[in-house]
Amino acid sequence: MTRGHFQRWTDRLKGTPFHPQWLLGSSKETGAWIASHARGLVLDVGAADRWVENQIPSSCCYVSLDYPATGRDLYGSRPELFADAAKIPIRDKSVDVVLLLEVLEHLRYPSDALKEIHRVLRPGGKLIMSVPFMYPLHDPPFDFQRYTTHGLERELEKAGLQIDTIEVTIGSIETAGMIANLAIGGSIIKGLKSHHSSLILSPFLLAAIFLINLTSWTLAKILPNWSNLTAGYRVESSRAFDHESI
């Protein structure tokens, strides 16, 4: 089995407990969260394949933005705007909602990007953001940082954004199970690259992923969550109303 065959095979397993990231939940849940906040002009920063466009209400005006080195060269995306998130080519106070989904960790200058988001948001406008915390290095070399809740609060407040909510994406037990499964999946991919003799164990390793997923999902229903450990965070923040806007 080649790496390409393995990738296509795992893609077919999405949504099943045989997939290493099954515990993260489905994109439908994320889409519903985004749709509940979408209104007016929605700017999707780091839009990649623009999957969000089909999740938001048709009454919204959707504008996608991505960086050429990642959006075009890595994902082959076709946004309305190719630009740096730290230099958004949109006028002040013109956007109702900014989406920043699994993007902040990939920004070389995250503080500058958040200040730009503050600039383009209307007073009362919202930033809807998700970020990883316990998650492997991905899309190298464009993976620069991870944030704790305190780090997120610091960055948002520094940019002038007020924090509405910060929530974990999944609980501690599910996160531990997902990390174990990603380690197993990563080892299989590494073995495929090097034609390692351990590949003979692949069927047993896939069975282990299935068992870890179901065990973690069950334990998460029984045990209390330890909020210090999570795969990532969902953040809702907003630009305060200006005095002249009140």
C-alpha atoms as a PDB file:
ATOM      1  CA  MET A   1       0.000   0.000   0.000  1.00  0.00           C
ATOM      2  CA  THR A   2       1.404   3.419  -0.945  1.00  0.00           C
ATOM      3  CA  ARG A   3       0.943   6.584   1.114  1.00  0.00           C
ATOM      4  CA  GLY A   4      -1.505   7.856  -1.512  1.00  0.00           C
ATOM      5  CA  HIS A   5      -3.572   4.682  -1.268  1.00  0.00           C
ATOM      6  CA  PHE A   6      -3.552   4.943   2.532  1.00  0.00           C
ATOM      7  CA  GLN A   7      -4.689   8.570   2.374  1.00  0.00           C
ATOM      8  CA  ARG A   8      -7.576   7.731   0.038  1.00  0.00           C
ATOM      9  CA  TRP A   9      -8.530   4.809   2.244  1.00  0.00           C
ATOM     10  CA  THR A  10      -8.556   6.926   5.422  1.00  0.00           C
ATOM     11  CA  ASP A  11     -10.600   9.599   3.621  1.00  0.00           C
ATOM     12  CA  ARG A  12     -13.272   6.959   3.049  1.00  0.00           C
ATOM     13  CA  LEU A  13     -13.223   6.221   6.789  1.00  0.00           C
ATOM     14  CA  LYS A  14     -14.066   9.796   7.780  1.00  0.00           C
ATOM     15  CA  GLY A  15     -17.029   9.841  10.109  1.00  0.00           C
ATOM     16  CA  THR A  16     -16.300   6.303  11.377  1.00  0.00           C
ATOM     17  CA  PRO A  17     -14.467   5.201  14.565  1.00  0.00           C
ATOM     18  CA  PHE A  18     -11.685   3.774  12.374  1.00  0.00           C
ATOM     19  CA  HIS A  19     -10.505   7.300  11.565  1.00  0.00           C
ATOM     20  CA  PRO A  20      -7.771   8.760  13.858  1.00  0.00           C
ATOM     21  CA  GLN A  21      -9.632  12.086  14.228  1.00  0.00           C
ATOM     22  CA  TRP A  22     -13.132  10.687  14.733  1.00  0.00           C
ATOM     23  CA  LEU A  23     -13.261  12.076  18.270  1.00  0.00           C
ATOM     24  CA  LEU A  24     -12.986  15.640  16.944  1.00  0.00           C
ATOM     25  CA  GLY A  25     -16.565  15.397  15.687  1.00  0.00           C
ATOM     26  CA  SER A  26     -18.007  16.266  12.314  1.00  0.00           C
ATOM     27  CA  SER A  27     -17.705  19.402  10.217  1.00  0.00           C
ATOM     28  CA  LYS A  28     -21.509  19.666  10.405  1.00  0.00           C
ATOM     29  CA  GLU A  29     -21.289  20.593  14.078  1.00  0.00           C
ATOM     30  CA  THR A  30     -18.658  23.229  13.335  1.00  0.00           C
ATOM     31  CA  GLY A  31     -20.747  24.485  10.429  1.00  0.00           C
ATOM     32  CA  ALA A  32     -23.791  24.891  12.671  1.00  0.00           C
ATOM     33  CA  TRP A  33     -21.706  26.879  15.186  1.00  0.00           C
ATOM     34  CA  ILE A  34     -20.468  29.191  12.444  1.00  0.00           C
ATOM     35  CA  ALA A  35     -23.929  29.589  10.879  1.00  0.00           C
ATOM     36  CA  SER A  36     -25.398  30.640  14.228  1.00  0.00           C
ATOM     37  CA  HIS A  37     -23.151  33.722  14.228  1.00  0.00           C
ATOM     38  CA  ALA A  38     -22.997  34.571  10.515  1.00  0.00           C
ATOM     39  CA  ARG A  39     -24.680  37.781   9.377  1.00  0.00           C
ATOM     40  CA  GLY A  40     -24.093  40.571   6.901  1.00  0.00           C
ATOM     41  CA  LEU A  41     -20.631  40.682   5.373  1.00  0.00           C
ATOM     42  CA  VAL A  42     -18.639  37.600   6.430  1.00  0.00           C
ATOM     43  CA  LEU A  43     -14.864  37.631   5.843  1.00  0.00           C
ATOM     44  CA  ASP A  44     -13.256  34.171   5.937  1.00  0.00           C
ATOM     45  CA  VAL A  45      -9.539  34.654   6.641  1.00  0.00           C
ATOM     46  CA  GLY A  46      -7.522  31.577   5.687  1.00  0.00           C
ATOM     47  CA  ALA A  47     -10.438  30.187   3.697  1.00  0.00           C
ATOM     48  CA  ALA A  48      -8.548  27.292   2.003  1.00  0.00           C
ATOM     49  CA  ASP A  49     -11.189  25.295   0.055  1.00  0.00           C
ATOM     50  CA  ARG A  50     -14.000  27.705   1.094  1.00  0.00           C
ATOM     51  CA  TRP A  51     -16.022  24.923   2.752  1.00  0.00           C
ATOM     52  CA  VAL A  52     -17.575  27.505   5.075  1.00  0.00           C
ATOM     53  CA  GLU A  53     -19.363  29.186   2.177  1.00  0.00           C
ATOM     54  CA  ASN A  54     -21.930  26.369   2.052  1.00  0.00           C
ATOM     55  CA  GLN A  55     -22.546  26.532   5.806  1.00  0.00           C
ATOM     56  CA  ILE A  56     -23.619  30.145   6.245  1.00  0.00           C
ATOM     57  CA  PRO A  57     -27.062  31.584   5.399  1.00  0.00           C
ATOM     58  CA  SER A  58     -27.604  32.720   1.818  1.00  0.00           C
ATOM     59  CA  SER A  59     -28.514  36.165   3.142  1.00  0.00           C
ATOM     60  CA  CYS A  60     -24.839  36.708   4.042  1.00  0.00           C
ATOM     61  CA  CYS A  61     -22.262  38.173   1.699  1.00  0.00           C
ATOM     62  CA  TYR A  62     -19.281  35.801   1.831  1.00  0.00           C
ATOM     63  CA  VAL A  63     -15.731  36.988   1.047  1.00  0.00           C
ATOM     64  CA  SER A  64     -12.774  34.597   1.262  1.00  0.00           C
ATOM     65  CA  LEU A  65      -9.140  35.568   1.817  1.00  0.00           C
ATOM     66  CA  ASP A  66      -6.023  33.436   1.803  1.00  0.00           C
ATOM     67  CA  TYR A  67      -2.260  33.814   1.610  1.00  0.00           C
ATOM     68  CA  PRO A  68      -0.684  32.841  -1.734  1.00  0.00           C
ATOM     69  CA  ALA A  69       2.023  30.569  -0.277  1.00  0.00           C
ATOM     70  CA  THR A  70      -0.556  28.500   1.604  1.00  0.00           C
ATOM     71  CA  GLY A  71      -3.935  29.104   0.005  1.00  0.00           C
ATOM     72  CA  ARG A  72      -2.804  28.884  -3.594  1.00  0.00           C
ATOM     73  CA  ASP A  73       0.354  26.747  -3.439  1.00  0.00           C
ATOM     74  CA  LEU A  74      -0.596  24.357  -0.627  1.00  0.00           C
ATOM     75  CA  TYR A  75      -4.384  24.032  -0.981  1.00  0.00           C
ATOM     76  CA  GLY A  76      -5.022  25.234  -4.524  1.00  0.00           C
ATOM     77  CA  SER A  77      -7.733  27.547  -3.176  1.00  0.00           C
ATOM     78  CA  ARG A  78      -9.529  30.252  -5.166  1.00  0.00           C
ATOM     79  CA  PRO A  79     -10.429  33.069  -2.759  1.00  0.00           C
ATOM     80  CA  GLU A  80     -11.753  36.469  -3.751  1.00  0.00           C
ATOM     81  CA  LEU A  81      -8.674  37.998  -2.113  1.00  0.00           C
ATOM     82  CA  PHE A  82      -5.073  36.809  -1.987  1.00  0.00           C
ATOM     83  CA  ALA A  83      -3.483  38.766   0.855  1.00  0.00           C
ATOM     84  CA  ASP A  84      -1.568  38.640   4.113  1.00  0.00           C
ATOM     85  CA  ALA A  85      -3.852  38.488   7.174  1.00  0.00           C
ATOM     86  CA  ALA A  86      -1.667  41.207   8.703  1.00  0.00           C
ATOM     87  CA  LYS A  87      -2.524  43.520   5.761  1.00  0.00           C
ATOM     88  CA  ILE A  88      -6.190  42.978   4.881  1.00  0.00           C
ATOM     89  CA  PRO A  89      -7.194  45.021   1.790  1.00  0.00           C
ATOM     90  CA  ILE A  90     -10.619  46.018   3.170  1.00  0.00           C
ATOM     91  CA  ARG A  91     -11.703  49.399   4.505  1.00  0.00           C
ATOM     92  CA  ASP A  92     -12.147  50.178   8.199  1.00  0.00           C
ATOM     93  CA  LYS A  93     -15.285  49.116  10.053  1.00  0.00           C
ATOM     94  CA  SER A  94     -16.890  47.372   7.077  1.00  0.00           C
ATOM     95  CA  VAL A  95     -17.145  43.696   8.091  1.00  0.00           C
ATOM     96  CA  ASP A  96     -19.841  42.182  10.306  1.00  0.00           C
ATOM     97  CA  VAL A  97     -18.187  38.815  11.047  1.00  0.00           C
ATOM     98  CA  VAL A  98     -14.612  37.601  10.603  1.00  0.00           C
ATOM     99  CA  LEU A  99     -13.934  33.858  10.565  1.00  0.00           C
ATOM    100  CA  LEU A 100     -10.471  32.670  11.616  1.00  0.00           C
ATOM    101  CA  LEU A 101     -10.744  28.879  11.708  1.00  0.00           C
ATOM    102  CA  GLU A 102      -7.609  26.879  12.513  1.00  0.00           C
ATOM    103  CA  VAL A 103      -5.540  29.752  11.122  1.00  0.00           C
ATOM    104  CA  LEU A 104      -3.953  31.702  14.001  1.00  0.00           C
ATOM    105  CA  GLU A 105      -1.285  29.032  14.549  1.00  0.00           C
ATOM    106  CA  HIS A 106      -0.170  29.462  10.927  1.00  0.00           C
ATOM    107  CA  LEU A 107       0.318  33.240  11.051  1.00  0.00           C
ATOM    108  CA  ARG A 108       3.861  34.558  11.276  1.00  0.00           C
ATOM    109  CA  TYR A 109       2.594  37.792  12.853  1.00  0.00           C
ATOM    110  CA  PRO A 110      -0.594  36.834  14.736  1.00  0.00           C
ATOM    111  CA  SER A 111      -0.775  40.046  16.780  1.00  0.00           C
ATOM    112  CA  ASP A 112      -0.718  42.171  13.636  1.00  0.00           C
ATOM    113  CA  ALA A 113      -3.446  40.011  12.067  1.00  0.00           C
ATOM    114  CA  LEU A 114      -5.722  40.402  15.090  1.00  0.00           C
ATOM    115  CA  LYS A 115      -5.219  44.172  15.021  1.00  0.00           C
ATOM    116  CA  GLU A 116      -6.209  44.150  11.343  1.00  0.00           C
ATOM    117  CA  ILE A 117      -9.313  42.135  12.168  1.00  0.00           C
ATOM    118  CA  HIS A 118     -10.213  44.696  14.821  1.00  0.00           C
ATOM    119  CA  ARG A 119      -9.741  47.450  12.239  1.00  0.00           C
ATOM    120  CA  VAL A 120     -12.056  45.941   9.583  1.00  0.00           C
ATOM    121  CA  LEU A 121     -14.807  44.879  12.019  1.00  0.00           C
ATOM    122  CA  ARG A 122     -17.790  47.142  12.469  1.00  0.00           C
ATOM    123  CA  PRO A 123     -18.514  48.232  16.047  1.00  0.00           C
ATOM    124  CA  GLY A 124     -20.341  45.258  17.523  1.00  0.00           C
ATOM    125  CA  GLY A 125     -18.913  42.978  14.836  1.00  0.00           C
ATOM    126  CA  LYS A 126     -17.697  39.517  15.822  1.00  0.00           C
ATOM    127  CA  LEU A 127     -14.587  37.411  15.404  1.00  0.00           C
ATOM    128  CA  ILE A 128     -15.380  33.678  15.336  1.00  0.00           C
ATOM    129  CA  MET A 129     -12.175  31.731  15.800  1.00  0.00           C
ATOM    130  CA  SER A 130     -10.980  28.190  16.426  1.00  0.00           C
ATOM    131  CA  VAL A 131      -7.410  27.206  17.297  1.00  0.00           C
ATOM    132  CA  PRO A 132      -5.664  23.923  18.094  1.00  0.00           C
ATOM    133  CA  PHE A 133      -3.939  23.310  21.417  1.00  0.00           C
ATOM    134  CA  MET A 134      -2.955  19.632  21.733  1.00  0.00           C
ATOM    135  CA  TYR A 135      -2.425  18.846  18.067  1.00  0.00           C
ATOM    136  CA  PRO A 136       0.581  17.741  15.979  1.00  0.00           C
ATOM    137  CA  LEU A 137       2.692  19.945  13.755  1.00  0.00           C
ATOM    138  CA  HIS A 138       0.888  20.389  10.449  1.00  0.00           C
ATOM    139  CA  ASP A 139       1.344  22.254   7.160  1.00  0.00           C
ATOM    140  CA  PRO A 140       5.061  22.818   7.789  1.00  0.00           C
ATOM    141  CA  PRO A 141       6.839  25.185   7.661  1.00  0.00           C
ATOM    142  CA  PHE A 142       3.738  27.332   8.263  1.00  0.00           C
ATOM    143  CA  ASP A 143       2.962  26.197  11.810  1.00  0.00           C
ATOM    144  CA  PHE A 144       4.324  28.687  14.340  1.00  0.00           C
ATOM    145  CA  GLN A 145       2.508  28.568  17.703  1.00  0.00           C
ATOM    146  CA  ARG A 146      -0.080  27.108  20.090  1.00  0.00           C
ATOM    147  CA  TYR A 147      -2.102  29.121  22.613  1.00  0.00           C
ATOM    148  CA  THR A 148      -3.459  28.509  26.099  1.00  0.00           C
ATOM    149  CA  THR A 149      -6.671  30.252  27.153  1.00  0.00           C
ATOM    150  CA  HIS A 150      -4.536  32.891  28.868  1.00  0.00           C
ATOM    151  CA  GLY A 151      -2.490  33.419  25.716  1.00  0.00           C
ATOM    152  CA  LEU A 152      -5.657  33.871  23.671  1.00  0.00           C
ATOM    153  CA  GLU A 153      -7.014  36.382  26.182  1.00  0.00           C
ATOM    154  CA  ARG A 154      -3.727  38.321  26.051  1.00  0.00           C
ATOM    155  CA  GLU A 155      -3.637  38.458  22.241  1.00  0.00           C
ATOM    156  CA  LEU A 156      -7.290  39.427  21.824  1.00  0.00           C
ATOM    157  CA  GLU A 157      -7.212  42.101  24.501  1.00  0.00           C
ATOM    158  CA  LYS A 158      -3.984  43.516  23.056  1.00  0.00           C
ATOM    159  CA  ALA A 159      -5.741  43.830  19.684  1.00  0.00           C
ATOM    160  CA  GLY A 160      -8.647  45.713  21.297  1.00  0.00           C
ATOM    161  CA  LEU A 161     -11.150  42.855  21.012  1.00  0.00           C
ATOM    162  CA  GLN A 162     -13.397  41.931  23.914  1.00  0.00           C
ATOM    163  CA  ILE A 163     -13.756  38.234  24.743  1.00  0.00           C
ATOM    164  CA  ASP A 164     -17.273  36.823  24.756  1.00  0.00           C
ATOM    165  CA  THR A 165     -16.587  33.093  25.218  1.00  0.00           C
ATOM    166  CA  ILE A 166     -13.693  30.630  25.084  1.00  0.00           C
ATOM    167  CA  GLU A 167     -14.700  26.955  25.059  1.00  0.00           C
ATOM    168  CA  VAL A 168     -12.824  23.694  24.589  1.00  0.00           C
ATOM    169  CA  THR A 169     -13.492  21.802  21.366  1.00  0.00           C
ATOM    170  CA  ILE A 170     -13.375  18.338  22.985  1.00  0.00           C
ATOM    171  CA  GLY A 171     -12.703  17.087  26.509  1.00  0.00           C
ATOM    172  CA  SER A 172      -9.538  15.708  28.080  1.00  0.00           C
ATOM    173  CA  ILE A 173     -10.283  11.981  27.655  1.00  0.00           C
ATOM    174  CA  GLU A 174     -11.264  12.429  24.010  1.00  0.00           C
ATOM    175  CA  THR A 175      -8.154  14.540  23.433  1.00  0.00           C
ATOM    176  CA  ALA A 176      -5.906  11.852  24.907  1.00  0.00           C
ATOM    177  CA  GLY A 177      -7.543   9.235  22.687  1.00  0.00           C
ATOM    178  CA  MET A 178      -7.179  11.412  19.602  1.00  0.00           C
ATOM    179  CA  ILE A 179      -3.464  12.056  20.277  1.00  0.00           C
ATOM    180  CA  ALA A 180      -2.854   8.317  20.708  1.00  0.00           C
ATOM    181  CA  ASN A 181      -4.625   7.620  17.422  1.00  0.00           C
ATOM    182  CA  LEU A 182      -2.757  10.350  15.570  1.00  0.00           C
ATOM    183  CA  ALA A 183       0.513   8.881  16.844  1.00  0.00           C
ATOM    184  CA  ILE A 184      -0.510   5.464  15.504  1.00  0.00           C
ATOM    185  CA  GLY A 185      -1.660   6.922  12.182  1.00  0.00           C
ATOM    186  CA  GLY A 186       1.525   8.968  11.887  1.00  0.00           C
ATOM    187  CA  SER A 187       3.615   5.852  12.493  1.00  0.00           C
ATOM    188  CA  ILE A 188       1.740   4.013   9.722  1.00  0.00           C
ATOM    189  CA  ILE A 189       2.414   6.885   7.307  1.00  0.00           C
ATOM    190  CA  LYS A 190       6.086   6.955   8.356  1.00  0.00           C
ATOM    191  CA  GLY A 191       6.288   3.216   7.758  1.00  0.00           C
ATOM    192  CA  LEU A 192       4.767   3.619   4.305  1.00  0.00           C
ATOM    193  CA  LYS A 193       7.369   6.233   3.423  1.00  0.00           C
ATOM    194  CA  SER A 194      10.290   4.038   4.506  1.00  0.00           C
ATOM    195  CA  HIS A 195       8.765   0.639   3.581  1.00  0.00           C
ATOM    196  CA  HIS A 196       9.269  -0.389   7.215  1.00  0.00           C
ATOM    197  CA  SER A 197       8.728  -4.033   8.163  1.00  0.00           C
ATOM    198  CA  SER A 198       6.231  -2.953  10.854  1.00  0.00           C
ATOM    199  CA  LEU A 199       3.646  -2.336   8.126  1.00  0.00           C
ATOM    200  CA  ILE A 200       2.600  -5.934   8.600  1.00  0.00           C
ATOM    201  CA  LEU A 201       0.952  -4.704  11.826  1.00  0.00           C
ATOM    202  CA  SER A 202      -1.227  -2.130  10.030  1.00  0.00           C
ATOM    203  CA  PRO A 203      -4.506  -4.109  10.315  1.00  0.00           C
ATOM    204  CA  PHE A 204      -3.953  -4.506  14.075  1.00  0.00           C
ATOM    205  CA  LEU A 205      -3.069  -0.813  14.428  1.00  0.00           C
ATOM    206  CA  LEU A 206      -6.275   0.196  12.655  1.00  0.00           C
ATOM    207  CA  ALA A 207      -8.188  -2.064  15.030  1.00  0.00           C
ATOM    208  CA  ALA A 208      -6.410  -0.314  17.918  1.00  0.00           C
ATOM    209  CA  ILE A 209      -7.587   3.074  16.586  1.00  0.00           C
ATOM    210  CA  PHE A 210     -11.155   1.773  16.555  1.00  0.00           C
ATOM    211  CA  LEU A 211     -10.913   0.513  20.149  1.00  0.00           C
ATOM    212  CA  ILE A 212      -9.236   3.692  21.425  1.00  0.00           C
ATOM    213  CA  ASN A 213     -11.936   5.828  19.803  1.00  0.00           C
ATOM    214  CA  LEU A 214     -14.803   3.870  21.342  1.00  0.00           C
ATOM    215  CA  THR A 215     -13.129   3.566  24.756  1.00  0.00           C
ATOM    216  CA  SER A 216     -12.319   7.289  24.906  1.00  0.00           C
ATOM    217  CA  TRP A 217     -15.813   8.260  23.755  1.00  0.00           C
ATOM    218  CA  THR A 218     -17.370   6.022  26.451  1.00  0.00           C
ATOM    219  CA  LEU A 219     -15.079   7.196  29.264  1.00  0.00           C
ATOM    220  CA  ALA A 220     -15.711  10.828  28.336  1.00  0.00           C
ATOM    221  CA  LYS A 221     -19.403  10.232  29.046  1.00  0.00           C
ATOM    222  CA  ILE A 222     -18.605   8.854  32.522  1.00  0.00           C
ATOM    223  CA  LEU A 223     -15.609  10.791  33.855  1.00  0.00           C
ATOM    224  CA  PRO A 224     -15.491  14.508  34.693  1.00  0.00           C
ATOM    225  CA  ASN A 225     -13.620  16.635  32.180  1.00  0.00           C
ATOM    226  CA  TRP A 226     -10.183  18.034  33.067  1.00  0.00           C
ATOM    227  CA  SER A 227     -10.256  21.386  31.286  1.00  0.00           C
ATOM    228  CA  ASN A 228      -6.447  21.769  31.278  1.00  0.00           C
ATOM    229  CA  LEU A 229      -6.200  19.276  28.409  1.00  0.00           C
ATOM    230  CA  THR A 230      -8.022  19.787  25.125  1.00  0.00           C
ATOM    231  CA  ALA A 231      -7.472  19.453  21.390  1.00  0.00           C
ATOM    232  CA  GLY A 232      -8.298  23.118  20.901  1.00  0.00           C
ATOM    233  CA  TYR A 233     -10.556  26.076  21.589  1.00  0.00           C
ATOM    234  CA  ARG A 234     -13.516  27.854  20.063  1.00  0.00           C
ATOM    235  CA  VAL A 235     -13.486  31.583  20.650  1.00  0.00           C
ATOM    236  CA  GLU A 236     -16.105  34.267  20.191  1.00  0.00           C
ATOM    237  CA  SER A 237     -14.963  37.852  20.551  1.00  0.00           C
ATOM    238  CA  SER A 238     -16.201  41.216  19.362  1.00  0.00           C
ATOM    239  CA  ARG A 239     -15.276  44.799  18.684  1.00  0.00           C
ATOM    240  CA  ALA A 240     -16.775  47.133  21.247  1.00  0.00           C
ATOM    241  CA  PHE A 241     -19.128  49.887  20.115  1.00  0.00           C
ATOM    242  CA  ASP A 242     -17.429  53.232  19.657  1.00  0.00           C
ATOM    243  CA  HIS A 243     -18.728  56.082  21.818  1.00  0.00           C
ATOM    244  CA  GLU A 244     -19.992  57.888  18.730  1.00  0.00           C
ATOM    245  CA  SER A 245     -21.839  54.725  17.638  1.00  0.00           C
ATOM    246  CA  ILE A 246     -23.893  54.493  20.806  1.00  0.00           C
END
